[in-house]
Amino acid sequence: MNGLRTKGGVVLAGVACIMTMAAADVLAETFTATATVKTAGAATATAPVTVTVDRIMTQAEADKLLAAFKAGGAAGLHKALKGVKPTGSIQLGGGPATPTRLAVERQTDKGRLITMVSDTPILHLGKGLPDAKPTQDYDFAVLDLELAPGGGSGTLTPAAKVTVKGGSFVVEGYSTEPLRLTSVMAKK
Protein backbone atom coordinates (compact mmCIF):
# COMPACT_ATOMS: atom_id res chain seq x y z
CA MET A 1 0.00 0.00 0.00
CA ASN A 2 2.87 2.39 0.68
CA GLY A 3 3.57 4.40 -2.43
CA LEU A 4 0.16 3.75 -3.95
CA ARG A 5 -1.76 6.62 -2.34
CA THR A 6 -1.40 10.18 -3.52
CA LYS A 7 -3.05 13.31 -2.15
CA GLY A 8 -6.62 13.30 -3.39
CA GLY A 9 -6.40 9.88 -4.98
CA VAL A 10 -4.85 6.48 -5.30
CA VAL A 11 -2.57 5.20 -7.95
CA LEU A 12 -2.95 1.50 -8.53
CA ALA A 13 -0.14 0.06 -10.58
CA GLY A 14 -1.95 -1.10 -13.74
CA VAL A 15 -1.36 -4.76 -14.22
CA ALA A 16 0.18 -5.27 -10.77
CA CYS A 17 -3.16 -4.39 -9.20
CA ILE A 18 -4.89 -6.96 -11.35
CA MET A 19 -2.50 -9.78 -10.44
CA THR A 20 -4.22 -12.54 -8.58
CA MET A 21 -2.64 -15.32 -6.64
CA ALA A 22 -5.49 -17.75 -6.10
CA ALA A 23 -8.20 -19.57 -7.95
CA ALA A 24 -11.62 -17.96 -8.33
CA ASP A 25 -13.29 -19.67 -5.43
CA VAL A 26 -11.69 -19.53 -1.98
CA LEU A 27 -13.12 -20.01 1.43
CA ALA A 28 -15.02 -16.89 2.43
CA GLU A 29 -13.17 -14.54 4.76
CA THR A 30 -14.59 -11.76 6.89
CA PHE A 31 -12.58 -8.88 8.29
CA THR A 32 -13.51 -6.15 10.74
CA ALA A 33 -11.84 -2.76 10.97
CA THR A 34 -12.27 0.77 12.23
CA ALA A 35 -12.61 3.49 9.60
CA THR A 36 -11.31 6.94 10.54
CA VAL A 37 -11.68 10.23 8.72
CA LYS A 38 -10.54 13.72 9.64
CA THR A 39 -12.91 16.53 8.76
CA ALA A 40 -11.86 19.88 7.31
CA GLY A 41 -12.23 21.29 10.83
CA ALA A 42 -9.71 18.71 12.15
CA ALA A 43 -12.37 16.70 13.99
CA THR A 44 -12.11 12.91 13.77
CA ALA A 45 -14.97 10.51 13.11
CA THR A 46 -14.85 6.71 13.25
CA ALA A 47 -17.15 3.89 12.17
CA PRO A 48 -16.91 0.11 12.14
CA VAL A 49 -16.35 -1.62 8.80
CA THR A 50 -17.03 -5.24 7.90
CA VAL A 51 -15.49 -6.68 4.73
CA THR A 52 -16.52 -10.06 3.39
CA VAL A 53 -14.44 -11.70 0.67
CA ASP A 54 -16.45 -14.50 -0.94
CA ARG A 55 -14.07 -15.11 -3.83
CA ILE A 56 -10.93 -13.81 -5.49
CA MET A 57 -11.12 -13.42 -9.25
CA THR A 58 -9.08 -15.52 -11.64
CA GLN A 59 -6.47 -13.79 -13.77
CA ALA A 60 -8.70 -14.36 -16.83
CA GLU A 61 -11.64 -12.58 -15.14
CA ALA A 62 -9.45 -9.69 -14.06
CA ASP A 63 -7.89 -9.37 -17.52
CA LYS A 64 -11.35 -9.21 -19.11
CA LEU A 65 -12.37 -6.36 -16.81
CA LEU A 66 -9.09 -4.54 -17.38
CA ALA A 67 -9.58 -4.79 -21.15
CA ALA A 68 -13.14 -3.44 -20.82
CA PHE A 69 -11.86 -0.52 -18.78
CA LYS A 70 -9.05 0.28 -21.21
CA ALA A 71 -11.46 0.12 -24.16
CA GLY A 72 -14.38 2.03 -22.66
CA GLY A 73 -13.26 3.77 -19.48
CA ALA A 74 -15.50 3.76 -16.42
CA ALA A 75 -18.61 3.22 -18.57
CA GLY A 76 -16.97 0.18 -20.17
CA LEU A 77 -16.07 -1.23 -16.77
CA HIS A 78 -19.62 -0.66 -15.48
CA LYS A 79 -20.98 -2.51 -18.51
CA ALA A 80 -18.53 -5.40 -18.04
CA LEU A 81 -19.40 -5.70 -14.34
CA LYS A 82 -23.13 -6.11 -15.04
CA GLY A 83 -24.03 -9.69 -14.21
CA VAL A 84 -20.66 -10.47 -12.59
CA LYS A 85 -21.17 -12.65 -9.54
CA PRO A 86 -20.43 -10.60 -6.39
CA THR A 87 -16.97 -11.17 -4.94
CA GLY A 88 -17.95 -10.04 -1.45
CA SER A 89 -19.23 -6.94 0.31
CA ILE A 90 -18.28 -3.85 2.30
CA GLN A 91 -20.43 -2.61 5.17
CA LEU A 92 -19.71 0.84 6.62
CA GLY A 93 -21.21 1.52 10.04
CA GLY A 94 -24.86 0.51 10.33
CA GLY A 95 -25.44 0.94 6.59
CA PRO A 96 -26.31 -1.87 4.21
CA ALA A 97 -23.61 -4.19 2.88
CA THR A 98 -22.53 -3.00 -0.58
CA PRO A 99 -21.69 -5.87 -2.96
CA THR A 100 -18.29 -5.85 -4.64
CA ARG A 101 -17.86 -7.11 -8.20
CA LEU A 102 -14.07 -7.16 -8.42
CA ALA A 103 -11.63 -8.68 -5.94
CA VAL A 104 -7.96 -9.31 -6.60
CA GLU A 105 -5.19 -10.38 -4.29
CA ARG A 106 -1.42 -10.27 -4.47
CA GLN A 107 1.48 -11.00 -2.16
CA THR A 108 3.37 -8.08 -0.61
CA ASP A 109 6.49 -7.89 1.52
CA LYS A 110 4.20 -7.65 4.58
CA GLY A 111 1.68 -10.36 3.69
CA ARG A 112 -1.11 -9.88 1.18
CA LEU A 113 -3.00 -7.04 -0.41
CA ILE A 114 -6.69 -7.46 -1.26
CA THR A 115 -8.27 -4.85 -3.53
CA MET A 116 -12.04 -4.84 -3.90
CA VAL A 117 -14.18 -2.64 -6.14
CA SER A 118 -17.92 -2.01 -5.97
CA ASP A 119 -19.76 -0.76 -9.02
CA THR A 120 -21.78 1.55 -6.78
CA PRO A 121 -20.55 4.16 -4.30
CA ILE A 122 -21.04 3.51 -0.58
CA LEU A 123 -21.09 7.13 0.59
CA HIS A 124 -20.36 10.56 -0.90
CA LEU A 125 -18.65 11.89 2.22
CA GLY A 126 -19.15 15.66 2.41
CA LYS A 127 -22.00 15.77 -0.11
CA GLY A 128 -24.18 17.92 2.14
CA LEU A 129 -21.55 20.57 2.83
CA PRO A 130 -21.71 24.05 1.29
CA ASP A 131 -19.74 24.16 -1.97
CA ALA A 132 -19.74 20.36 -2.24
CA LYS A 133 -18.68 19.17 -5.67
CA PRO A 134 -21.11 17.23 -7.90
CA THR A 135 -21.28 13.49 -7.21
CA GLN A 136 -21.45 12.58 -10.91
CA ASP A 137 -18.69 10.19 -12.01
CA TYR A 138 -17.85 9.16 -8.43
CA ASP A 139 -19.68 5.89 -8.99
CA PHE A 140 -17.34 3.20 -7.65
CA ALA A 141 -16.03 2.32 -4.19
CA VAL A 142 -12.46 1.01 -3.78
CA LEU A 143 -11.04 -0.84 -0.78
CA ASP A 144 -7.44 -1.91 -0.14
CA LEU A 145 -6.65 -4.23 2.76
CA GLU A 146 -3.02 -4.93 3.57
CA LEU A 147 -3.01 -8.04 5.71
CA ALA A 148 -0.07 -9.17 7.79
CA PRO A 149 0.24 -11.82 10.47
CA GLY A 150 -1.64 -10.53 13.50
CA GLY A 151 -3.68 -7.85 11.74
CA GLY A 152 -3.57 -5.23 9.08
CA SER A 153 -4.56 -1.82 7.81
CA GLY A 154 -6.07 -0.34 4.71
CA THR A 155 -8.04 2.38 3.02
CA LEU A 156 -11.59 2.74 1.79
CA THR A 157 -12.54 5.27 -0.86
CA PRO A 158 -16.35 5.08 -0.47
CA ALA A 159 -17.07 7.14 -3.61
CA ALA A 160 -14.43 7.04 -6.32
CA LYS A 161 -13.78 8.16 -9.87
CA VAL A 162 -11.51 5.72 -11.73
CA THR A 163 -9.35 6.79 -14.67
CA VAL A 164 -6.12 5.66 -16.35
CA LYS A 165 -3.06 7.91 -16.61
CA GLY A 166 0.28 6.74 -17.94
CA GLY A 167 -0.82 3.10 -17.98
CA SER A 168 -1.81 3.10 -14.30
CA PHE A 169 -5.20 3.22 -12.67
CA VAL A 170 -5.89 6.42 -10.75
CA VAL A 171 -8.60 6.35 -8.12
CA GLU A 172 -9.79 9.81 -7.12
CA GLY A 173 -11.96 9.99 -4.04
CA TYR A 174 -14.99 12.25 -3.73
CA SER A 175 -13.66 13.38 -0.36
CA THR A 176 -10.13 14.74 -0.15
CA GLU A 177 -8.83 11.77 1.83
CA PRO A 178 -9.81 8.10 1.87
CA LEU A 179 -11.05 6.54 5.07
CA ARG A 180 -8.11 4.99 6.94
CA LEU A 181 -8.76 1.45 8.12
CA THR A 182 -7.06 0.36 11.31
CA SER A 183 -7.35 -2.65 13.61
CA VAL A 184 -8.09 -4.90 10.62
CA MET A 185 -8.67 -8.39 11.98
CA ALA A 186 -9.96 -11.63 10.53
CA LYS A 187 -13.33 -12.48 12.04
CA LYS A 188 -13.53 -16.03 13.28
C-alpha atoms as a PDB file:
ATOM      1  CA  MET A   1       0.000   0.000   0.000  1.00  0.00           C
ATOM      2  CA  ASN A   2       2.871   2.391   0.676  1.00  0.00           C
ATOM      3  CA  GLY A   3       3.573   4.395  -2.430  1.00  0.00           C
ATOM      4  CA  LEU A   4       0.162   3.747  -3.947  1.00  0.00           C
ATOM      5  CA  ARG A   5      -1.755   6.620  -2.336  1.00  0.00           C
ATOM      6  CA  THR A   6      -1.402  10.184  -3.516  1.00  0.00           C
ATOM      7  CA  LYS A   7      -3.046  13.306  -2.152  1.00  0.00           C
ATOM      8  CA  GLY A   8      -6.624  13.295  -3.392  1.00  0.00           C
ATOM      9  CA  GLY A   9      -6.402   9.875  -4.976  1.00  0.00           C
ATOM     10  CA  VAL A  10      -4.855   6.485  -5.300  1.00  0.00           C
ATOM     11  CA  VAL A  11      -2.571   5.195  -7.954  1.00  0.00           C
ATOM     12  CA  LEU A  12      -2.950   1.503  -8.533  1.00  0.00           C
ATOM     13  CA  ALA A  13      -0.136   0.057 -10.575  1.00  0.00           C
ATOM     14  CA  GLY A  14      -1.949  -1.096 -13.743  1.00  0.00           C
ATOM     15  CA  VAL A  15      -1.362  -4.762 -14.223  1.00  0.00           C
ATOM     16  CA  ALA A  16       0.179  -5.267 -10.771  1.00  0.00           C
ATOM     17  CA  CYS A  17      -3.158  -4.393  -9.199  1.00  0.00           C
ATOM     18  CA  ILE A  18      -4.885  -6.962 -11.350  1.00  0.00           C
ATOM     19  CA  MET A  19      -2.503  -9.778 -10.436  1.00  0.00           C
ATOM     20  CA  THR A  20      -4.223 -12.541  -8.576  1.00  0.00           C
ATOM     21  CA  MET A  21      -2.642 -15.323  -6.638  1.00  0.00           C
ATOM     22  CA  ALA A  22      -5.493 -17.751  -6.098  1.00  0.00           C
ATOM     23  CA  ALA A  23      -8.201 -19.573  -7.951  1.00  0.00           C
ATOM     24  CA  ALA A  24     -11.617 -17.957  -8.333  1.00  0.00           C
ATOM     25  CA  ASP A  25     -13.288 -19.672  -5.429  1.00  0.00           C
ATOM     26  CA  VAL A  26     -11.688 -19.532  -1.983  1.00  0.00           C
ATOM     27  CA  LEU A  27     -13.125 -20.012   1.430  1.00  0.00           C
ATOM     28  CA  ALA A  28     -15.015 -16.892   2.428  1.00  0.00           C
ATOM     29  CA  GLU A  29     -13.169 -14.544   4.755  1.00  0.00           C
ATOM     30  CA  THR A  30     -14.586 -11.765   6.893  1.00  0.00           C
ATOM     31  CA  PHE A  31     -12.578  -8.879   8.288  1.00  0.00           C
ATOM     32  CA  THR A  32     -13.508  -6.151  10.743  1.00  0.00           C
ATOM     33  CA  ALA A  33     -11.838  -2.759  10.970  1.00  0.00           C
ATOM     34  CA  THR A  34     -12.266   0.773  12.235  1.00  0.00           C
ATOM     35  CA  ALA A  35     -12.611   3.494   9.601  1.00  0.00           C
ATOM     36  CA  THR A  36     -11.306   6.940  10.540  1.00  0.00           C
ATOM     37  CA  VAL A  37     -11.682  10.232   8.719  1.00  0.00           C
ATOM     38  CA  LYS A  38     -10.544  13.715   9.643  1.00  0.00           C
ATOM     39  CA  THR A  39     -12.915  16.534   8.760  1.00  0.00           C
ATOM     40  CA  ALA A  40     -11.856  19.878   7.312  1.00  0.00           C
ATOM     41  CA  GLY A  41     -12.232  21.290  10.831  1.00  0.00           C
ATOM     42  CA  ALA A  42      -9.712  18.707  12.153  1.00  0.00           C
ATOM     43  CA  ALA A  43     -12.370  16.703  13.989  1.00  0.00           C
ATOM     44  CA  THR A  44     -12.111  12.905  13.774  1.00  0.00           C
ATOM     45  CA  ALA A  45     -14.973  10.506  13.112  1.00  0.00           C
ATOM     46  CA  THR A  46     -14.853   6.712  13.245  1.00  0.00           C
ATOM     47  CA  ALA A  47     -17.145   3.889  12.174  1.00  0.00           C
ATOM     48  CA  PRO A  48     -16.911   0.110  12.138  1.00  0.00           C
ATOM     49  CA  VAL A  49     -16.345  -1.617   8.803  1.00  0.00           C
ATOM     50  CA  THR A  50     -17.030  -5.241   7.896  1.00  0.00           C
ATOM     51  CA  VAL A  51     -15.494  -6.677   4.734  1.00  0.00           C
ATOM     52  CA  THR A  52     -16.520 -10.064   3.390  1.00  0.00           C
ATOM     53  CA  VAL A  53     -14.440 -11.697   0.672  1.00  0.00           C
ATOM     54  CA  ASP A  54     -16.446 -14.501  -0.940  1.00  0.00           C
ATOM     55  CA  ARG A  55     -14.073 -15.110  -3.828  1.00  0.00           C
ATOM     56  CA  ILE A  56     -10.934 -13.811  -5.490  1.00  0.00           C
ATOM     57  CA  MET A  57     -11.124 -13.415  -9.253  1.00  0.00           C
ATOM     58  CA  THR A  58      -9.085 -15.515 -11.635  1.00  0.00           C
ATOM     59  CA  GLN A  59      -6.470 -13.790 -13.774  1.00  0.00           C
ATOM     60  CA  ALA A  60      -8.695 -14.356 -16.830  1.00  0.00           C
ATOM     61  CA  GLU A  61     -11.641 -12.582 -15.143  1.00  0.00           C
ATOM     62  CA  ALA A  62      -9.451  -9.688 -14.062  1.00  0.00           C
ATOM     63  CA  ASP A  63      -7.894  -9.366 -17.522  1.00  0.00           C
ATOM     64  CA  LYS A  64     -11.349  -9.205 -19.112  1.00  0.00           C
ATOM     65  CA  LEU A  65     -12.375  -6.356 -16.810  1.00  0.00           C
ATOM     66  CA  LEU A  66      -9.089  -4.535 -17.385  1.00  0.00           C
ATOM     67  CA  ALA A  67      -9.580  -4.788 -21.154  1.00  0.00           C
ATOM     68  CA  ALA A  68     -13.144  -3.443 -20.817  1.00  0.00           C
ATOM     69  CA  PHE A  69     -11.856  -0.519 -18.781  1.00  0.00           C
ATOM     70  CA  LYS A  70      -9.045   0.276 -21.212  1.00  0.00           C
ATOM     71  CA  ALA A  71     -11.464   0.123 -24.159  1.00  0.00           C
ATOM     72  CA  GLY A  72     -14.384   2.029 -22.659  1.00  0.00           C
ATOM     73  CA  GLY A  73     -13.259   3.768 -19.485  1.00  0.00           C
ATOM     74  CA  ALA A  74     -15.500   3.763 -16.416  1.00  0.00           C
ATOM     75  CA  ALA A  75     -18.612   3.223 -18.574  1.00  0.00           C
ATOM     76  CA  GLY A  76     -16.971   0.178 -20.172  1.00  0.00           C
ATOM     77  CA  LEU A  77     -16.069  -1.235 -16.766  1.00  0.00           C
ATOM     78  CA  HIS A  78     -19.615  -0.664 -15.477  1.00  0.00           C
ATOM     79  CA  LYS A  79     -20.978  -2.512 -18.508  1.00  0.00           C
ATOM     80  CA  ALA A  80     -18.525  -5.401 -18.043  1.00  0.00           C
ATOM     81  CA  LEU A  81     -19.401  -5.702 -14.342  1.00  0.00           C
ATOM     82  CA  LYS A  82     -23.132  -6.108 -15.038  1.00  0.00           C
ATOM     83  CA  GLY A  83     -24.031  -9.688 -14.214  1.00  0.00           C
ATOM     84  CA  VAL A  84     -20.655 -10.473 -12.592  1.00  0.00           C
ATOM     85  CA  LYS A  85     -21.172 -12.649  -9.540  1.00  0.00           C
ATOM     86  CA  PRO A  86     -20.430 -10.600  -6.390  1.00  0.00           C
ATOM     87  CA  THR A  87     -16.966 -11.167  -4.941  1.00  0.00           C
ATOM     88  CA  GLY A  88     -17.947 -10.040  -1.446  1.00  0.00           C
ATOM     89  CA  SER A  89     -19.230  -6.942   0.313  1.00  0.00           C
ATOM     90  CA  ILE A  90     -18.278  -3.851   2.303  1.00  0.00           C
ATOM     91  CA  GLN A  91     -20.430  -2.609   5.166  1.00  0.00           C
ATOM     92  CA  LEU A  92     -19.714   0.837   6.622  1.00  0.00           C
ATOM     93  CA  GLY A  93     -21.209   1.521  10.045  1.00  0.00           C
ATOM     94  CA  GLY A  94     -24.857   0.511  10.325  1.00  0.00           C
ATOM     95  CA  GLY A  95     -25.443   0.939   6.592  1.00  0.00           C
ATOM     96  CA  PRO A  96     -26.310  -1.868   4.208  1.00  0.00           C
ATOM     97  CA  ALA A  97     -23.612  -4.189   2.881  1.00  0.00           C
ATOM     98  CA  THR A  98     -22.532  -3.002  -0.582  1.00  0.00           C
ATOM     99  CA  PRO A  99     -21.691  -5.870  -2.963  1.00  0.00           C
ATOM    100  CA  THR A 100     -18.289  -5.846  -4.640  1.00  0.00           C
ATOM    101  CA  ARG A 101     -17.856  -7.107  -8.201  1.00  0.00           C
ATOM    102  CA  LEU A 102     -14.074  -7.161  -8.419  1.00  0.00           C
ATOM    103  CA  ALA A 103     -11.631  -8.681  -5.936  1.00  0.00           C
ATOM    104  CA  VAL A 104      -7.963  -9.308  -6.601  1.00  0.00           C
ATOM    105  CA  GLU A 105      -5.188 -10.378  -4.294  1.00  0.00           C
ATOM    106  CA  ARG A 106      -1.421 -10.271  -4.467  1.00  0.00           C
ATOM    107  CA  GLN A 107       1.477 -10.996  -2.155  1.00  0.00           C
ATOM    108  CA  THR A 108       3.366  -8.081  -0.609  1.00  0.00           C
ATOM    109  CA  ASP A 109       6.490  -7.894   1.522  1.00  0.00           C
ATOM    110  CA  LYS A 110       4.197  -7.647   4.580  1.00  0.00           C
ATOM    111  CA  GLY A 111       1.679 -10.362   3.693  1.00  0.00           C
ATOM    112  CA  ARG A 112      -1.106  -9.879   1.180  1.00  0.00           C
ATOM    113  CA  LEU A 113      -3.005  -7.036  -0.410  1.00  0.00           C
ATOM    114  CA  ILE A 114      -6.686  -7.464  -1.261  1.00  0.00           C
ATOM    115  CA  THR A 115      -8.268  -4.851  -3.527  1.00  0.00           C
ATOM    116  CA  MET A 116     -12.043  -4.839  -3.899  1.00  0.00           C
ATOM    117  CA  VAL A 117     -14.178  -2.643  -6.137  1.00  0.00           C
ATOM    118  CA  SER A 118     -17.917  -2.013  -5.975  1.00  0.00           C
ATOM    119  CA  ASP A 119     -19.763  -0.760  -9.025  1.00  0.00           C
ATOM    120  CA  THR A 120     -21.778   1.555  -6.782  1.00  0.00           C
ATOM    121  CA  PRO A 121     -20.554   4.164  -4.296  1.00  0.00           C
ATOM    122  CA  ILE A 122     -21.036   3.511  -0.584  1.00  0.00           C
ATOM    123  CA  LEU A 123     -21.093   7.130   0.591  1.00  0.00           C
ATOM    124  CA  HIS A 124     -20.360  10.562  -0.898  1.00  0.00           C
ATOM    125  CA  LEU A 125     -18.646  11.892   2.219  1.00  0.00           C
ATOM    126  CA  GLY A 126     -19.146  15.657   2.409  1.00  0.00           C
ATOM    127  CA  LYS A 127     -21.997  15.768  -0.115  1.00  0.00           C
ATOM    128  CA  GLY A 128     -24.181  17.922   2.142  1.00  0.00           C
ATOM    129  CA  LEU A 129     -21.545  20.575   2.827  1.00  0.00           C
ATOM    130  CA  PRO A 130     -21.711  24.049   1.294  1.00  0.00           C
ATOM    131  CA  ASP A 131     -19.744  24.163  -1.972  1.00  0.00           C
ATOM    132  CA  ALA A 132     -19.735  20.361  -2.239  1.00  0.00           C
ATOM    133  CA  LYS A 133     -18.685  19.170  -5.669  1.00  0.00           C
ATOM    134  CA  PRO A 134     -21.110  17.230  -7.898  1.00  0.00           C
ATOM    135  CA  THR A 135     -21.284  13.490  -7.211  1.00  0.00           C
ATOM    136  CA  GLN A 136     -21.448  12.583 -10.909  1.00  0.00           C
ATOM    137  CA  ASP A 137     -18.689  10.187 -12.011  1.00  0.00           C
ATOM    138  CA  TYR A 138     -17.849   9.158  -8.430  1.00  0.00           C
ATOM    139  CA  ASP A 139     -19.684   5.895  -8.989  1.00  0.00           C
ATOM    140  CA  PHE A 140     -17.337   3.203  -7.646  1.00  0.00           C
ATOM    141  CA  ALA A 141     -16.032   2.317  -4.186  1.00  0.00           C
ATOM    142  CA  VAL A 142     -12.462   1.013  -3.780  1.00  0.00           C
ATOM    143  CA  LEU A 143     -11.042  -0.841  -0.781  1.00  0.00           C
ATOM    144  CA  ASP A 144      -7.445  -1.907  -0.140  1.00  0.00           C
ATOM    145  CA  LEU A 145      -6.649  -4.230   2.757  1.00  0.00           C
ATOM    146  CA  GLU A 146      -3.021  -4.933   3.571  1.00  0.00           C
ATOM    147  CA  LEU A 147      -3.015  -8.040   5.715  1.00  0.00           C
ATOM    148  CA  ALA A 148      -0.069  -9.171   7.791  1.00  0.00           C
ATOM    149  CA  PRO A 149       0.245 -11.823  10.469  1.00  0.00           C
ATOM    150  CA  GLY A 150      -1.639 -10.531  13.498  1.00  0.00           C
ATOM    151  CA  GLY A 151      -3.684  -7.853  11.737  1.00  0.00           C
ATOM    152  CA  GLY A 152      -3.567  -5.230   9.081  1.00  0.00           C
ATOM    153  CA  SER A 153      -4.559  -1.821   7.809  1.00  0.00           C
ATOM    154  CA  GLY A 154      -6.071  -0.336   4.713  1.00  0.00           C
ATOM    155  CA  THR A 155      -8.042   2.376   3.019  1.00  0.00           C
ATOM    156  CA  LEU A 156     -11.591   2.740   1.788  1.00  0.00           C
ATOM    157  CA  THR A 157     -12.544   5.269  -0.863  1.00  0.00           C
ATOM    158  CA  PRO A 158     -16.346   5.083  -0.472  1.00  0.00           C
ATOM    159  CA  ALA A 159     -17.068   7.138  -3.609  1.00  0.00           C
ATOM    160  CA  ALA A 160     -14.429   7.041  -6.320  1.00  0.00           C
ATOM    161  CA  LYS A 161     -13.778   8.162  -9.871  1.00  0.00           C
ATOM    162  CA  VAL A 162     -11.515   5.720 -11.727  1.00  0.00           C
ATOM    163  CA  THR A 163      -9.349   6.786 -14.667  1.00  0.00           C
ATOM    164  CA  VAL A 164      -6.118   5.662 -16.345  1.00  0.00           C
ATOM    165  CA  LYS A 165      -3.056   7.907 -16.613  1.00  0.00           C
ATOM    166  CA  GLY A 166       0.277   6.739 -17.941  1.00  0.00           C
ATOM    167  CA  GLY A 167      -0.820   3.101 -17.982  1.00  0.00           C
ATOM    168  CA  SER A 168      -1.810   3.101 -14.297  1.00  0.00           C
ATOM    169  CA  PHE A 169      -5.204   3.223 -12.667  1.00  0.00           C
ATOM    170  CA  VAL A 170      -5.886   6.417 -10.754  1.00  0.00           C
ATOM    171  CA  VAL A 171      -8.597   6.347  -8.120  1.00  0.00           C
ATOM    172  CA  GLU A 172      -9.787   9.807  -7.118  1.00  0.00           C
ATOM    173  CA  GLY A 173     -11.957   9.995  -4.038  1.00  0.00           C
ATOM    174  CA  TYR A 174     -14.990  12.246  -3.728  1.00  0.00           C
ATOM    175  CA  SER A 175     -13.663  13.379  -0.359  1.00  0.00           C
ATOM    176  CA  THR A 176     -10.132  14.742  -0.150  1.00  0.00           C
ATOM    177  CA  GLU A 177      -8.830  11.767   1.828  1.00  0.00           C
ATOM    178  CA  PRO A 178      -9.810   8.104   1.865  1.00  0.00           C
ATOM    179  CA  LEU A 179     -11.048   6.536   5.070  1.00  0.00           C
ATOM    180  CA  ARG A 180      -8.105   4.993   6.940  1.00  0.00           C
ATOM    181  CA  LEU A 181      -8.760   1.454   8.121  1.00  0.00           C
ATOM    182  CA  THR A 182      -7.063   0.360  11.308  1.00  0.00           C
ATOM    183  CA  SER A 183      -7.346  -2.650  13.608  1.00  0.00           C
ATOM    184  CA  VAL A 184      -8.087  -4.900  10.625  1.00  0.00           C
ATOM    185  CA  MET A 185      -8.669  -8.386  11.976  1.00  0.00           C
ATOM    186  CA  ALA A 186      -9.963 -11.634  10.530  1.00  0.00           C
ATOM    187  CA  LYS A 187     -13.329 -12.482  12.041  1.00  0.00           C
ATOM    188  CA  LYS A 188     -13.530 -16.034  13.276  1.00  0.00           C
END
